[in-house]
Amino acid sequence: MDRSSTGRSTPSRRPARLPRLRRPGGVHPRLIVSGTRAGLAAVRARGKVGGRPAVVDEKILNMARDLLPNSEHSITAIAKMLGVSPGTLYNHIPDLRELRASRISAQLEDSNR
C-alpha cells in the first residue's frame, strides 16, 4: 500500500471528534471508579470482607515455628507437610532464614557440650 500521497506520516486510529477519556454511553472513568468505591464501602459496612481468603492462620505458623529447629526437615518439606508453599512461609515469617540458622547453631552447640 502506498502511503506517500496521504499527507500524513502515520494514519490516525482514533476519530477526531471522539473524546479520548469518554466511554461509549457517555460514562466517564472517574464516575466508574467512584461508583465502584462506593459499592465496596457499602459492602464493608454490611460486614463483608473482600479479597482472597488467607491460607495461613496462627495454628499453621506455630506448627512451622515448632518444626524449624529440626534440621532433618528443609523449609520446603515443612511447607509441604503444612500444605502451603515455601514462599508463603517466607512471607508470613519474615526472619525465617535467620531464625532457622540461629536455632540450628544453638542445637549444634548444645550437642557439642
PDB file of N, CA and C in Angstrom:
ATOM      1  N   MET A   1       0.847  -1.162   0.000  1.00  0.00           N
ATOM      2  CA  MET A   1       0.000   0.000   0.000  1.00  0.00           C
ATOM      3  C   MET A   1       0.902   1.237   0.000  1.00  0.00           C
ATOM      4  N   ASP A   2       0.592   2.153  -0.859  1.00  0.00           N
ATOM      5  CA  ASP A   2       1.384   3.371  -0.985  1.00  0.00           C
ATOM      6  C   ASP A   2       0.777   4.456  -0.114  1.00  0.00           C
ATOM      7  N   ARG A   3       1.513   4.919   0.900  1.00  0.00           N
ATOM      8  CA  ARG A   3       1.027   5.962   1.816  1.00  0.00           C
ATOM      9  C   ARG A   3       1.689   7.302   1.546  1.00  0.00           C
ATOM     10  N   SER A   4       2.460   7.400   0.525  1.00  0.00           N
ATOM     11  CA  SER A   4       3.182   8.645   0.258  1.00  0.00           C
ATOM     12  C   SER A   4       2.256   9.787  -0.134  1.00  0.00           C
ATOM     13  N   SER A   5       1.053   9.498  -0.612  1.00  0.00           N
ATOM     14  CA  SER A   5       0.163  10.563  -1.070  1.00  0.00           C
ATOM     15  C   SER A   5      -0.871  10.984  -0.036  1.00  0.00           C
ATOM     16  N   THR A   6      -0.846  10.444   1.190  1.00  0.00           N
ATOM     17  CA  THR A   6      -1.877  10.783   2.169  1.00  0.00           C
ATOM     18  C   THR A   6      -1.654  12.128   2.835  1.00  0.00           C
ATOM     19  N   GLY A   7      -0.427  12.614   2.877  1.00  0.00           N
ATOM     20  CA  GLY A   7      -0.167  13.893   3.510  1.00  0.00           C
ATOM     21  C   GLY A   7       0.209  13.750   4.973  1.00  0.00           C
ATOM     22  N   ARG A   8       0.043  12.578   5.556  1.00  0.00           N
ATOM     23  CA  ARG A   8       0.421  12.328   6.945  1.00  0.00           C
ATOM     24  C   ARG A   8       1.439  11.195   6.985  1.00  0.00           C
ATOM     25  N   SER A   9       2.271  11.222   8.050  1.00  0.00           N
ATOM     26  CA  SER A   9       3.281  10.176   8.148  1.00  0.00           C
ATOM     27  C   SER A   9       2.670   8.871   8.651  1.00  0.00           C
ATOM     28  N   THR A  10       1.706   8.933   9.594  1.00  0.00           N
ATOM     29  CA  THR A  10       1.033   7.728  10.072  1.00  0.00           C
ATOM     30  C   THR A  10      -0.467   7.971  10.097  1.00  0.00           C
ATOM     31  N   PRO A  11      -1.228   6.989   9.757  1.00  0.00           N
ATOM     32  CA  PRO A  11      -2.678   7.180   9.784  1.00  0.00           C
ATOM     33  C   PRO A  11      -3.197   7.227  11.219  1.00  0.00           C
ATOM     34  N   SER A  12      -4.233   8.019  11.460  1.00  0.00           N
ATOM     35  CA  SER A  12      -4.824   8.141  12.780  1.00  0.00           C
ATOM     36  C   SER A  12      -5.765   6.973  13.016  1.00  0.00           C
ATOM     37  N   ARG A  13      -5.736   6.419  14.208  1.00  0.00           N
ATOM     38  CA  ARG A  13      -6.611   5.293  14.525  1.00  0.00           C
ATOM     39  C   ARG A  13      -7.833   5.735  15.320  1.00  0.00           C
ATOM     40  N   ARG A  14      -7.880   6.981  15.779  1.00  0.00           N
ATOM     41  CA  ARG A  14      -8.987   7.468  16.583  1.00  0.00           C
ATOM     42  C   ARG A  14      -9.675   8.589  15.819  1.00  0.00           C
ATOM     43  N   PRO A  15     -10.988   8.512  15.704  1.00  0.00           N
ATOM     44  CA  PRO A  15     -11.691   9.613  15.038  1.00  0.00           C
ATOM     45  C   PRO A  15     -11.485  10.921  15.808  1.00  0.00           C
ATOM     46  N   ALA A  16     -11.346  11.997  15.100  1.00  0.00           N
ATOM     47  CA  ALA A  16     -11.031  13.292  15.711  1.00  0.00           C
ATOM     48  C   ALA A  16     -12.145  13.792  16.613  1.00  0.00           C
ATOM     49  N   ARG A  17     -13.383  13.482  16.347  1.00  0.00           N
ATOM     50  CA  ARG A  17     -14.488  14.009  17.136  1.00  0.00           C
ATOM     51  C   ARG A  17     -14.732  13.231  18.435  1.00  0.00           C
ATOM     52  N   LEU A  18     -14.238  12.020  18.558  1.00  0.00           N
ATOM     53  CA  LEU A  18     -14.488  11.200  19.723  1.00  0.00           C
ATOM     54  C   LEU A  18     -13.573  11.624  20.874  1.00  0.00           C
ATOM     55  N   PRO A  19     -14.118  12.059  22.009  1.00  0.00           N
ATOM     56  CA  PRO A  19     -13.264  12.464  23.127  1.00  0.00           C
ATOM     57  C   PRO A  19     -12.453  11.267  23.640  1.00  0.00           C
ATOM     58  N   ARG A  20     -11.260  11.548  24.038  1.00  0.00           N
ATOM     59  CA  ARG A  20     -10.348  10.476  24.405  1.00  0.00           C
ATOM     60  C   ARG A  20     -10.724   9.798  25.727  1.00  0.00           C
ATOM     61  N   LEU A  21     -11.223  10.526  26.718  1.00  0.00           N
ATOM     62  CA  LEU A  21     -11.483   9.950  28.024  1.00  0.00           C
ATOM     63  C   LEU A  21     -12.915   9.461  28.223  1.00  0.00           C
ATOM     64  N   ARG A  22     -13.736   9.569  27.246  1.00  0.00           N
ATOM     65  CA  ARG A  22     -15.126   9.139  27.390  1.00  0.00           C
ATOM     66  C   ARG A  22     -15.297   7.718  26.874  1.00  0.00           C
ATOM     67  N   ARG A  23     -16.202   7.009  27.495  1.00  0.00           N
ATOM     68  CA  ARG A  23     -16.542   5.662  27.073  1.00  0.00           C
ATOM     69  C   ARG A  23     -17.836   5.714  26.265  1.00  0.00           C
ATOM     70  N   PRO A  24     -18.110   4.670  25.510  1.00  0.00           N
ATOM     71  CA  PRO A  24     -19.412   4.620  24.831  1.00  0.00           C
ATOM     72  C   PRO A  24     -20.527   4.679  25.867  1.00  0.00           C
ATOM     73  N   GLY A  25     -21.524   5.444  25.630  1.00  0.00           N
ATOM     74  CA  GLY A  25     -22.609   5.633  26.581  1.00  0.00           C
ATOM     75  C   GLY A  25     -22.422   6.871  27.430  1.00  0.00           C
ATOM     76  N   GLY A  26     -21.299   7.555  27.293  1.00  0.00           N
ATOM     77  CA  GLY A  26     -21.082   8.811  27.982  1.00  0.00           C
ATOM     78  C   GLY A  26     -20.661   8.681  29.441  1.00  0.00           C
ATOM     79  N   VAL A  27     -20.229   7.513  29.904  1.00  0.00           N
ATOM     80  CA  VAL A  27     -19.817   7.349  31.293  1.00  0.00           C
ATOM     81  C   VAL A  27     -18.320   7.628  31.401  1.00  0.00           C
ATOM     82  N   HIS A  28     -17.976   8.574  32.250  1.00  0.00           N
ATOM     83  CA  HIS A  28     -16.592   8.969  32.436  1.00  0.00           C
ATOM     84  C   HIS A  28     -15.903   7.975  33.377  1.00  0.00           C
ATOM     85  N   PRO A  29     -14.631   7.650  33.151  1.00  0.00           N
ATOM     86  CA  PRO A  29     -13.938   6.681  34.023  1.00  0.00           C
ATOM     87  C   PRO A  29     -13.940   7.059  35.500  1.00  0.00           C
ATOM     88  N   ARG A  30     -13.889   8.348  35.813  1.00  0.00           N
ATOM     89  CA  ARG A  30     -13.921   8.754  37.221  1.00  0.00           C
ATOM     90  C   ARG A  30     -15.250   8.390  37.876  1.00  0.00           C
ATOM     91  N   LEU A  31     -16.329   8.427  37.112  1.00  0.00           N
ATOM     92  CA  LEU A  31     -17.628   8.021  37.656  1.00  0.00           C
ATOM     93  C   LEU A  31     -17.659   6.525  37.920  1.00  0.00           C
ATOM     94  N   ILE A  32     -17.018   5.753  37.067  1.00  0.00           N
ATOM     95  CA  ILE A  32     -16.948   4.313  37.262  1.00  0.00           C
ATOM     96  C   ILE A  32     -16.174   4.004  38.541  1.00  0.00           C
ATOM     97  N   VAL A  33     -15.034   4.676  38.722  1.00  0.00           N
ATOM     98  CA  VAL A  33     -14.198   4.449  39.902  1.00  0.00           C
ATOM     99  C   VAL A  33     -14.944   4.848  41.168  1.00  0.00           C
ATOM    100  N   SER A  34     -15.584   6.001  41.161  1.00  0.00           N
ATOM    101  CA  SER A  34     -16.289   6.445  42.372  1.00  0.00           C
ATOM    102  C   SER A  34     -17.465   5.525  42.680  1.00  0.00           C
ATOM    103  N   GLY A  35     -18.144   5.031  41.663  1.00  0.00           N
ATOM    104  CA  GLY A  35     -19.241   4.087  41.892  1.00  0.00           C
ATOM    105  C   GLY A  35     -18.749   2.774  42.465  1.00  0.00           C
ATOM    106  N   THR A  36     -17.607   2.302  41.964  1.00  0.00           N
ATOM    107  CA  THR A  36     -17.024   1.057  42.472  1.00  0.00           C
ATOM    108  C   THR A  36     -16.616   1.220  43.925  1.00  0.00           C
ATOM    109  N   ARG A  37     -15.962   2.327  44.246  1.00  0.00           N
ATOM    110  CA  ARG A  37     -15.545   2.563  45.632  1.00  0.00           C
ATOM    111  C   ARG A  37     -16.745   2.677  46.567  1.00  0.00           C
ATOM    112  N   ALA A  38     -17.795   3.330  46.119  1.00  0.00           N
ATOM    113  CA  ALA A  38     -18.999   3.457  46.947  1.00  0.00           C
ATOM    114  C   ALA A  38     -19.622   2.082  47.190  1.00  0.00           C
ATOM    115  N   GLY A  39     -19.638   1.245  46.177  1.00  0.00           N
ATOM    116  CA  GLY A  39     -20.174  -0.104  46.333  1.00  0.00           C
ATOM    117  C   GLY A  39     -19.355  -0.931  47.299  1.00  0.00           C
ATOM    118  N   LEU A  40     -18.033  -0.837  47.216  1.00  0.00           N
ATOM    119  CA  LEU A  40     -17.161  -1.573  48.139  1.00  0.00           C
ATOM    120  C   LEU A  40     -17.340  -1.088  49.573  1.00  0.00           C
ATOM    121  N   ALA A  41     -17.506   0.225  49.748  1.00  0.00           N
ATOM    122  CA  ALA A  41     -17.726   0.772  51.095  1.00  0.00           C
ATOM    123  C   ALA A  41     -19.051   0.276  51.665  1.00  0.00           C
ATOM    124  N   ALA A  42     -20.084   0.176  50.818  1.00  0.00           N
ATOM    125  CA  ALA A  42     -21.388  -0.309  51.278  1.00  0.00           C
ATOM    126  C   ALA A  42     -21.297  -1.773  51.695  1.00  0.00           C
ATOM    127  N   VAL A  43     -20.548  -2.558  50.964  1.00  0.00           N
ATOM    128  CA  VAL A  43     -20.379  -3.974  51.305  1.00  0.00           C
ATOM    129  C   VAL A  43     -19.622  -4.112  52.617  1.00  0.00           C
ATOM    130  N   ARG A  44     -18.568  -3.306  52.811  1.00  0.00           N
ATOM    131  CA  ARG A  44     -17.814  -3.338  54.063  1.00  0.00           C
ATOM    132  C   ARG A  44     -18.699  -2.946  55.250  1.00  0.00           C
ATOM    133  N   ALA A  45     -19.604  -1.984  55.031  1.00  0.00           N
ATOM    134  CA  ALA A  45     -20.496  -1.546  56.096  1.00  0.00           C
ATOM    135  C   ALA A  45     -21.447  -2.669  56.520  1.00  0.00           C
ATOM    136  N   ARG A  46     -21.738  -3.599  55.600  1.00  0.00           N
ATOM    137  CA  ARG A  46     -22.597  -4.740  55.932  1.00  0.00           C
ATOM    138  C   ARG A  46     -21.815  -5.883  56.570  1.00  0.00           C
ATOM    139  N   GLY A  47     -20.503  -5.695  56.729  1.00  0.00           N
ATOM    140  CA  GLY A  47     -19.706  -6.709  57.418  1.00  0.00           C
ATOM    141  C   GLY A  47     -19.009  -7.699  56.516  1.00  0.00           C
ATOM    142  N   LYS A  48     -19.080  -7.532  55.230  1.00  0.00           N
ATOM    143  CA  LYS A  48     -18.400  -8.442  54.308  1.00  0.00           C
ATOM    144  C   LYS A  48     -16.964  -7.987  54.114  1.00  0.00           C
ATOM    145  N   VAL A  49     -16.063  -8.936  53.959  1.00  0.00           N
ATOM    146  CA  VAL A  49     -14.668  -8.627  53.715  1.00  0.00           C
ATOM    147  C   VAL A  49     -14.317  -9.131  52.329  1.00  0.00           C
ATOM    148  N   GLY A  50     -13.765  -8.262  51.511  1.00  0.00           N
ATOM    149  CA  GLY A  50     -13.402  -8.655  50.162  1.00  0.00           C
ATOM    150  C   GLY A  50     -12.003  -9.227  50.110  1.00  0.00           C
ATOM    151  N   GLY A  51     -11.625  -9.675  48.960  1.00  0.00           N
ATOM    152  CA  GLY A  51     -10.282 -10.178  48.753  1.00  0.00           C
ATOM    153  C   GLY A  51     -10.182 -11.685  48.854  1.00  0.00           C
ATOM    154  N   ARG A  52      -8.998 -12.142  48.657  1.00  0.00           N
ATOM    155  CA  ARG A  52      -8.727 -13.568  48.670  1.00  0.00           C
ATOM    156  C   ARG A  52      -8.609 -14.060  50.120  1.00  0.00           C
ATOM    157  N   PRO A  53      -9.162 -15.240  50.422  1.00  0.00           N
ATOM    158  CA  PRO A  53      -9.065 -15.742  51.794  1.00  0.00           C
ATOM    159  C   PRO A  53      -7.627 -16.087  52.177  1.00  0.00           C
ATOM    160  N   ALA A  54      -7.306 -15.902  53.431  1.00  0.00           N
ATOM    161  CA  ALA A  54      -5.955 -16.177  53.918  1.00  0.00           C
ATOM    162  C   ALA A  54      -5.714 -17.684  53.961  1.00  0.00           C
ATOM    163  N   VAL A  55      -4.516 -18.094  53.584  1.00  0.00           N
ATOM    164  CA  VAL A  55      -4.140 -19.503  53.585  1.00  0.00           C
ATOM    165  C   VAL A  55      -3.573 -19.886  54.948  1.00  0.00           C
ATOM    166  N   VAL A  56      -2.871 -18.964  55.555  1.00  0.00           N
ATOM    167  CA  VAL A  56      -2.140 -19.250  56.788  1.00  0.00           C
ATOM    168  C   VAL A  56      -2.864 -18.645  57.980  1.00  0.00           C
ATOM    169  N   ASP A  57      -3.007 -19.459  59.022  1.00  0.00           N
ATOM    170  CA  ASP A  57      -3.531 -18.944  60.277  1.00  0.00           C
ATOM    171  C   ASP A  57      -2.468 -19.156  61.363  1.00  0.00           C
ATOM    172  N   GLU A  58      -2.783 -18.765  62.574  1.00  0.00           N
ATOM    173  CA  GLU A  58      -1.811 -18.859  63.672  1.00  0.00           C
ATOM    174  C   GLU A  58      -1.404 -20.303  63.946  1.00  0.00           C
ATOM    175  N   LYS A  59      -2.342 -21.230  63.769  1.00  0.00           N
ATOM    176  CA  LYS A  59      -2.050 -22.641  64.020  1.00  0.00           C
ATOM    177  C   LYS A  59      -0.941 -23.145  63.088  1.00  0.00           C
ATOM    178  N   ILE A  60      -1.048 -22.822  61.806  1.00  0.00           N
ATOM    179  CA  ILE A  60      -0.036 -23.245  60.829  1.00  0.00           C
ATOM    180  C   ILE A  60       1.298 -22.563  61.118  1.00  0.00           C
ATOM    181  N   LEU A  61       1.273 -21.287  61.462  1.00  0.00           N
ATOM    182  CA  LEU A  61       2.516 -20.576  61.765  1.00  0.00           C
ATOM    183  C   LEU A  61       3.199 -21.160  63.001  1.00  0.00           C
ATOM    184  N   ASN A  62       2.420 -21.505  64.019  1.00  0.00           N
ATOM    185  CA  ASN A  62       3.003 -22.093  65.228  1.00  0.00           C
ATOM    186  C   ASN A  62       3.604 -23.464  64.930  1.00  0.00           C
ATOM    187  N   MET A  63       2.910 -24.255  64.109  1.00  0.00           N
ATOM    188  CA  MET A  63       3.461 -25.562  63.745  1.00  0.00           C
ATOM    189  C   MET A  63       4.755 -25.401  62.956  1.00  0.00           C
ATOM    190  N   ALA A  64       4.797 -24.419  62.062  1.00  0.00           N
ATOM    191  CA  ALA A  64       6.012 -24.179  61.282  1.00  0.00           C
ATOM    192  C   ALA A  64       7.154 -23.765  62.206  1.00  0.00           C
ATOM    193  N   ARG A  65       6.867 -22.894  63.163  1.00  0.00           N
ATOM    194  CA  ARG A  65       7.913 -22.462  64.101  1.00  0.00           C
ATOM    195  C   ARG A  65       8.406 -23.622  64.966  1.00  0.00           C
ATOM    196  N   ASP A  66       7.496 -24.561  65.287  1.00  0.00           N
ATOM    197  CA  ASP A  66       7.903 -25.734  66.066  1.00  0.00           C
ATOM    198  C   ASP A  66       8.783 -26.674  65.252  1.00  0.00           C
ATOM    199  N   LEU A  67       8.547 -26.758  63.946  1.00  0.00           N
ATOM    200  CA  LEU A  67       9.321 -27.658  63.090  1.00  0.00           C
ATOM    201  C   LEU A  67      10.658 -27.065  62.653  1.00  0.00           C
ATOM    202  N   LEU A  68      10.808 -25.764  62.753  1.00  0.00           N
ATOM    203  CA  LEU A  68      12.035 -25.115  62.271  1.00  0.00           C
ATOM    204  C   LEU A  68      13.312 -25.603  62.948  1.00  0.00           C
ATOM    205  N   PRO A  69      13.325 -25.827  64.257  1.00  0.00           N
ATOM    206  CA  PRO A  69      14.583 -26.251  64.872  1.00  0.00           C
ATOM    207  C   PRO A  69      15.059 -27.618  64.392  1.00  0.00           C
ATOM    208  N   ASN A  70      14.158 -28.438  63.891  1.00  0.00           N
ATOM    209  CA  ASN A  70      14.513 -29.776  63.440  1.00  0.00           C
ATOM    210  C   ASN A  70      15.277 -29.668  62.124  1.00  0.00           C
ATOM    211  N   SER A  71      16.564 -29.971  62.166  1.00  0.00           N
ATOM    212  CA  SER A  71      17.384 -29.816  60.960  1.00  0.00           C
ATOM    213  C   SER A  71      17.154 -30.931  59.943  1.00  0.00           C
ATOM    214  N   GLU A  72      16.360 -31.942  60.308  1.00  0.00           N
ATOM    215  CA  GLU A  72      16.054 -33.022  59.369  1.00  0.00           C
ATOM    216  C   GLU A  72      15.131 -32.560  58.247  1.00  0.00           C
ATOM    217  N   HIS A  73      14.325 -31.544  58.517  1.00  0.00           N
ATOM    218  CA  HIS A  73      13.339 -31.081  57.540  1.00  0.00           C
ATOM    219  C   HIS A  73      13.772 -29.754  56.927  1.00  0.00           C
ATOM    220  N   SER A  74      13.723 -29.692  55.610  1.00  0.00           N
ATOM    221  CA  SER A  74      14.006 -28.426  54.934  1.00  0.00           C
ATOM    222  C   SER A  74      12.764 -27.545  55.019  1.00  0.00           C
ATOM    223  N   ILE A  75      12.922 -26.301  54.654  1.00  0.00           N
ATOM    224  CA  ILE A  75      11.785 -25.383  54.664  1.00  0.00           C
ATOM    225  C   ILE A  75      10.741 -25.847  53.650  1.00  0.00           C
ATOM    226  N   THR A  76      11.204 -26.374  52.523  1.00  0.00           N
ATOM    227  CA  THR A  76      10.281 -26.900  51.517  1.00  0.00           C
ATOM    228  C   THR A  76       9.499 -28.089  52.073  1.00  0.00           C
ATOM    229  N   ALA A  77      10.172 -28.975  52.801  1.00  0.00           N
ATOM    230  CA  ALA A  77       9.494 -30.129  53.390  1.00  0.00           C
ATOM    231  C   ALA A  77       8.484 -29.693  54.448  1.00  0.00           C
ATOM    232  N   ILE A  78       8.852 -28.711  55.251  1.00  0.00           N
ATOM    233  CA  ILE A  78       7.933 -28.192  56.266  1.00  0.00           C
ATOM    234  C   ILE A  78       6.701 -27.598  55.595  1.00  0.00           C
ATOM    235  N   ALA A  79       6.922 -26.845  54.527  1.00  0.00           N
ATOM    236  CA  ALA A  79       5.798 -26.234  53.807  1.00  0.00           C
ATOM    237  C   ALA A  79       4.882 -27.311  53.223  1.00  0.00           C
ATOM    238  N   LYS A  80       5.466 -28.366  52.669  1.00  0.00           N
ATOM    239  CA  LYS A  80       4.656 -29.460  52.113  1.00  0.00           C
ATOM    240  C   LYS A  80       3.822 -30.136  53.196  1.00  0.00           C
ATOM    241  N   MET A  81       4.437 -30.370  54.362  1.00  0.00           N
ATOM    242  CA  MET A  81       3.712 -31.006  55.466  1.00  0.00           C
ATOM    243  C   MET A  81       2.513 -30.165  55.900  1.00  0.00           C
ATOM    244  N   LEU A  82       2.673 -28.855  55.847  1.00  0.00           N
ATOM    245  CA  LEU A  82       1.612 -27.954  56.310  1.00  0.00           C
ATOM    246  C   LEU A  82       0.628 -27.581  55.208  1.00  0.00           C
ATOM    247  N   GLY A  83       0.922 -27.977  53.963  1.00  0.00           N
ATOM    248  CA  GLY A  83       0.007 -27.700  52.858  1.00  0.00           C
ATOM    249  C   GLY A  83       0.077 -26.286  52.320  1.00  0.00           C
ATOM    250  N   VAL A  84       1.221 -25.652  52.467  1.00  0.00           N
ATOM    251  CA  VAL A  84       1.418 -24.301  51.932  1.00  0.00           C
ATOM    252  C   VAL A  84       2.695 -24.302  51.104  1.00  0.00           C
ATOM    253  N   SER A  85       2.950 -23.207  50.416  1.00  0.00           N
ATOM    254  CA  SER A  85       4.177 -23.107  49.632  1.00  0.00           C
ATOM    255  C   SER A  85       5.296 -22.538  50.500  1.00  0.00           C
ATOM    256  N   PRO A  86       6.552 -22.812  50.137  1.00  0.00           N
ATOM    257  CA  PRO A  86       7.656 -22.218  50.887  1.00  0.00           C
ATOM    258  C   PRO A  86       7.601 -20.688  50.882  1.00  0.00           C
ATOM    259  N   GLY A  87       7.170 -20.112  49.779  1.00  0.00           N
ATOM    260  CA  GLY A  87       7.039 -18.655  49.699  1.00  0.00           C
ATOM    261  C   GLY A  87       6.059 -18.116  50.712  1.00  0.00           C
ATOM    262  N   THR A  88       4.998 -18.862  50.971  1.00  0.00           N
ATOM    263  CA  THR A  88       4.024 -18.441  51.981  1.00  0.00           C
ATOM    264  C   THR A  88       4.675 -18.382  53.354  1.00  0.00           C
ATOM    265  N   LEU A  89       5.497 -19.381  53.661  1.00  0.00           N
ATOM    266  CA  LEU A  89       6.197 -19.356  54.949  1.00  0.00           C
ATOM    267  C   LEU A  89       7.146 -18.165  55.033  1.00  0.00           C
ATOM    268  N   TYR A  90       7.888 -17.921  53.949  1.00  0.00           N
ATOM    269  CA  TYR A  90       8.813 -16.780  53.943  1.00  0.00           C
ATOM    270  C   TYR A  90       8.055 -15.458  54.082  1.00  0.00           C
ATOM    271  N   ASN A  91       6.870 -15.362  53.492  1.00  0.00           N
ATOM    272  CA  ASN A  91       6.088 -14.127  53.576  1.00  0.00           C
ATOM    273  C   ASN A  91       5.533 -13.898  54.981  1.00  0.00           C
ATOM    274  N   HIS A  92       5.141 -14.963  55.670  1.00  0.00           N
ATOM    275  CA  HIS A  92       4.495 -14.811  56.970  1.00  0.00           C
ATOM    276  C   HIS A  92       5.461 -14.894  58.147  1.00  0.00           C
ATOM    277  N   ILE A  93       6.653 -15.422  57.912  1.00  0.00           N
ATOM    278  CA  ILE A  93       7.685 -15.446  58.956  1.00  0.00           C
ATOM    279  C   ILE A  93       8.885 -14.702  58.361  1.00  0.00           C
ATOM    280  N   PRO A  94       8.929 -13.378  58.508  1.00  0.00           N
ATOM    281  CA  PRO A  94       9.934 -12.574  57.811  1.00  0.00           C
ATOM    282  C   PRO A  94      11.382 -12.964  58.126  1.00  0.00           C
ATOM    283  N   ASP A  95      11.664 -13.347  59.363  1.00  0.00           N
ATOM    284  CA  ASP A  95      13.030 -13.683  59.738  1.00  0.00           C
ATOM    285  C   ASP A  95      13.266 -15.192  59.724  1.00  0.00           C
ATOM    286  N   LEU A  96      12.636 -15.879  58.789  1.00  0.00           N
ATOM    287  CA  LEU A  96      12.687 -17.337  58.741  1.00  0.00           C
ATOM    288  C   LEU A  96      14.101 -17.874  58.596  1.00  0.00           C
ATOM    289  N   ARG A  97      14.871 -17.324  57.693  1.00  0.00           N
ATOM    290  CA  ARG A  97      16.238 -17.818  57.478  1.00  0.00           C
ATOM    291  C   ARG A  97      17.106 -17.611  58.713  1.00  0.00           C
ATOM    292  N   GLU A  98      17.030 -16.418  59.302  1.00  0.00           N
ATOM    293  CA  GLU A  98      17.830 -16.126  60.477  1.00  0.00           C
ATOM    294  C   GLU A  98      17.382 -16.982  61.661  1.00  0.00           C
ATOM    295  N   LEU A  99      16.082 -17.153  61.801  1.00  0.00           N
ATOM    296  CA  LEU A  99      15.529 -17.946  62.888  1.00  0.00           C
ATOM    297  C   LEU A  99      15.997 -19.391  62.774  1.00  0.00           C
ATOM    298  N   ARG A 100      15.945 -19.924  61.589  1.00  0.00           N
ATOM    299  CA  ARG A 100      16.373 -21.305  61.370  1.00  0.00           C
ATOM    300  C   ARG A 100      17.879 -21.455  61.623  1.00  0.00           C
ATOM    301  N   ALA A 101      18.661 -20.531  61.119  1.00  0.00           N
ATOM    302  CA  ALA A 101      20.110 -20.607  61.294  1.00  0.00           C
ATOM    303  C   ALA A 101      20.488 -20.506  62.766  1.00  0.00           C
ATOM    304  N   SER A 102      19.840 -19.611  63.516  1.00  0.00           N
ATOM    305  CA  SER A 102      20.184 -19.451  64.930  1.00  0.00           C
ATOM    306  C   SER A 102      19.776 -20.678  65.735  1.00  0.00           C
ATOM    307  N   ARG A 103      18.655 -21.273  65.409  1.00  0.00           N
ATOM    308  CA  ARG A 103      18.207 -22.455  66.159  1.00  0.00           C
ATOM    309  C   ARG A 103      19.083 -23.662  65.852  1.00  0.00           C
ATOM    310  N   ILE A 104      19.486 -23.809  64.616  1.00  0.00           N
ATOM    311  CA  ILE A 104      20.342 -24.938  64.253  1.00  0.00           C
ATOM    312  C   ILE A 104      21.714 -24.780  64.898  1.00  0.00           C
ATOM    313  N   SER A 105      22.269 -23.565  64.878  1.00  0.00           N
ATOM    314  CA  SER A 105      23.578 -23.362  65.502  1.00  0.00           C
ATOM    315  C   SER A 105      23.492 -23.567  67.016  1.00  0.00           C
ATOM    316  N   ALA A 106      22.387 -23.195  67.643  1.00  0.00           N
ATOM    317  CA  ALA A 106      22.208 -23.430  69.077  1.00  0.00           C
ATOM    318  C   ALA A 106      22.134 -24.923  69.369  1.00  0.00           C
ATOM    319  N   GLN A 107      21.485 -25.683  68.482  1.00  0.00           N
ATOM    320  CA  GLN A 107      21.415 -27.140  68.662  1.00  0.00           C
ATOM    321  C   GLN A 107      22.797 -27.766  68.542  1.00  0.00           C
ATOM    322  N   LEU A 108      23.580 -27.281  67.590  1.00  0.00           N
ATOM    323  CA  LEU A 108      24.929 -27.822  67.409  1.00  0.00           C
ATOM    324  C   LEU A 108      25.802 -27.540  68.628  1.00  0.00           C
ATOM    325  N   GLU A 109      25.673 -26.361  69.191  1.00  0.00           N
ATOM    326  CA  GLU A 109      26.452 -26.009  70.384  1.00  0.00           C
ATOM    327  C   GLU A 109      26.053 -26.879  71.568  1.00  0.00           C
ATOM    328  N   ASP A 110      24.744 -27.129  71.719  1.00  0.00           N
ATOM    329  CA  ASP A 110      24.277 -27.967  72.814  1.00  0.00           C
ATOM    330  C   ASP A 110      24.745 -29.418  72.655  1.00  0.00           C
ATOM    331  N   SER A 111      24.782 -29.893  71.426  1.00  0.00           N
ATOM    332  CA  SER A 111      25.199 -31.278  71.201  1.00  0.00           C
ATOM    333  C   SER A 111      26.704 -31.452  71.395  1.00  0.00           C
ATOM    334  N   ASN A 112      27.491 -30.386  71.225  1.00  0.00           N
ATOM    335  CA  ASN A 112      28.937 -30.461  71.418  1.00  0.00           C
ATOM    336  C   ASN A 112      29.328 -30.430  72.886  1.00  0.00           C
ATOM    337  N   ARG A 113      28.455 -30.042  73.766  1.00  0.00           N
ATOM    338  CA  ARG A 113      28.770 -29.939  75.201  1.00  0.00           C
ATOM    339  C   ARG A 113      28.665 -31.253  75.873  1.00  0.00           C
TER     340      ARG A 113
END
